[in-house]
Amino acid sequence: MQTIAYQFPKFDLLEIIREPVFDKKYQPLKPLQAGQLTPDLKLINKNGTWLKTDRVKNYEGNIFFHQLLNKPLIISFYAEPWNRKGIHILKKLNAIQNEITAAGGNLLIITSEGPFTQTEVNRKHNFNLNFYHDVNHEIAKQFKIYGEEDPIWNRFSGIDVNVPLLATYVLSPNGQIIYDHIDTSFNGNFPSQEIIEATRNANQTLHFNN
């Protein structure tokens, strides 16, 4: 039986280009919580930034959060890679949107997805939701639910891109966070009634102070 000898090319170790090693410090996310103030962020009004329904006023040019806070504002962060988990929360919010309005509040979905995805989500699920396109996750970063030093794929299986946490906030007209909900258990429970009650309380406080 003939033995076949395989010849492999020889490499000089000096030819190996080493990848630079960066010292990436782990910094865990510390989401903003009830009692803290809302960062006053600039929201840009241009084509593809807003997906508006008749529930939120059509602002022109740049606006700031405090301009939206003439009444309690519920904001919820959505990202398509959350799949059914994210859609589940949007369904819950869409279902209570009339009650939020009756309690004196507005609802706005903050998303890293572009206008096509926003429109498809509304169409496919028969939603009537207002979306704002959070380019480069700027708002999510300010609410400390997104960070490069603590990517979401390190925390949850099935997520292979870095996205914001599934967070919902009730903001008062004076810029304070009245209520926060960060969904990390994914057990299907969503505090719909607590969000409505927090909105009602924030609205009553506004009228009392006025």
Foldseek 3Di string as FASTA:
>chain_A
DDDDDDDDDDDDPVPDDDDDDDDQAADDFDFDFFPAFADWDKAADDPFFKDDDPQADDDPGIDIPLVQQPAKEKEWEAECLVPPLRLLVQVLCQVCQVLLVVLTYHYEYEYCDTPVVVVCSCVVVVGNHMYGHCHPCPSLVSSRQFDPSHFCCVPDPSRDGRDGFGKMFIAASVRGTRGIDGDDPSPSDDPSVVNSVSRNVSRVVVVVVD
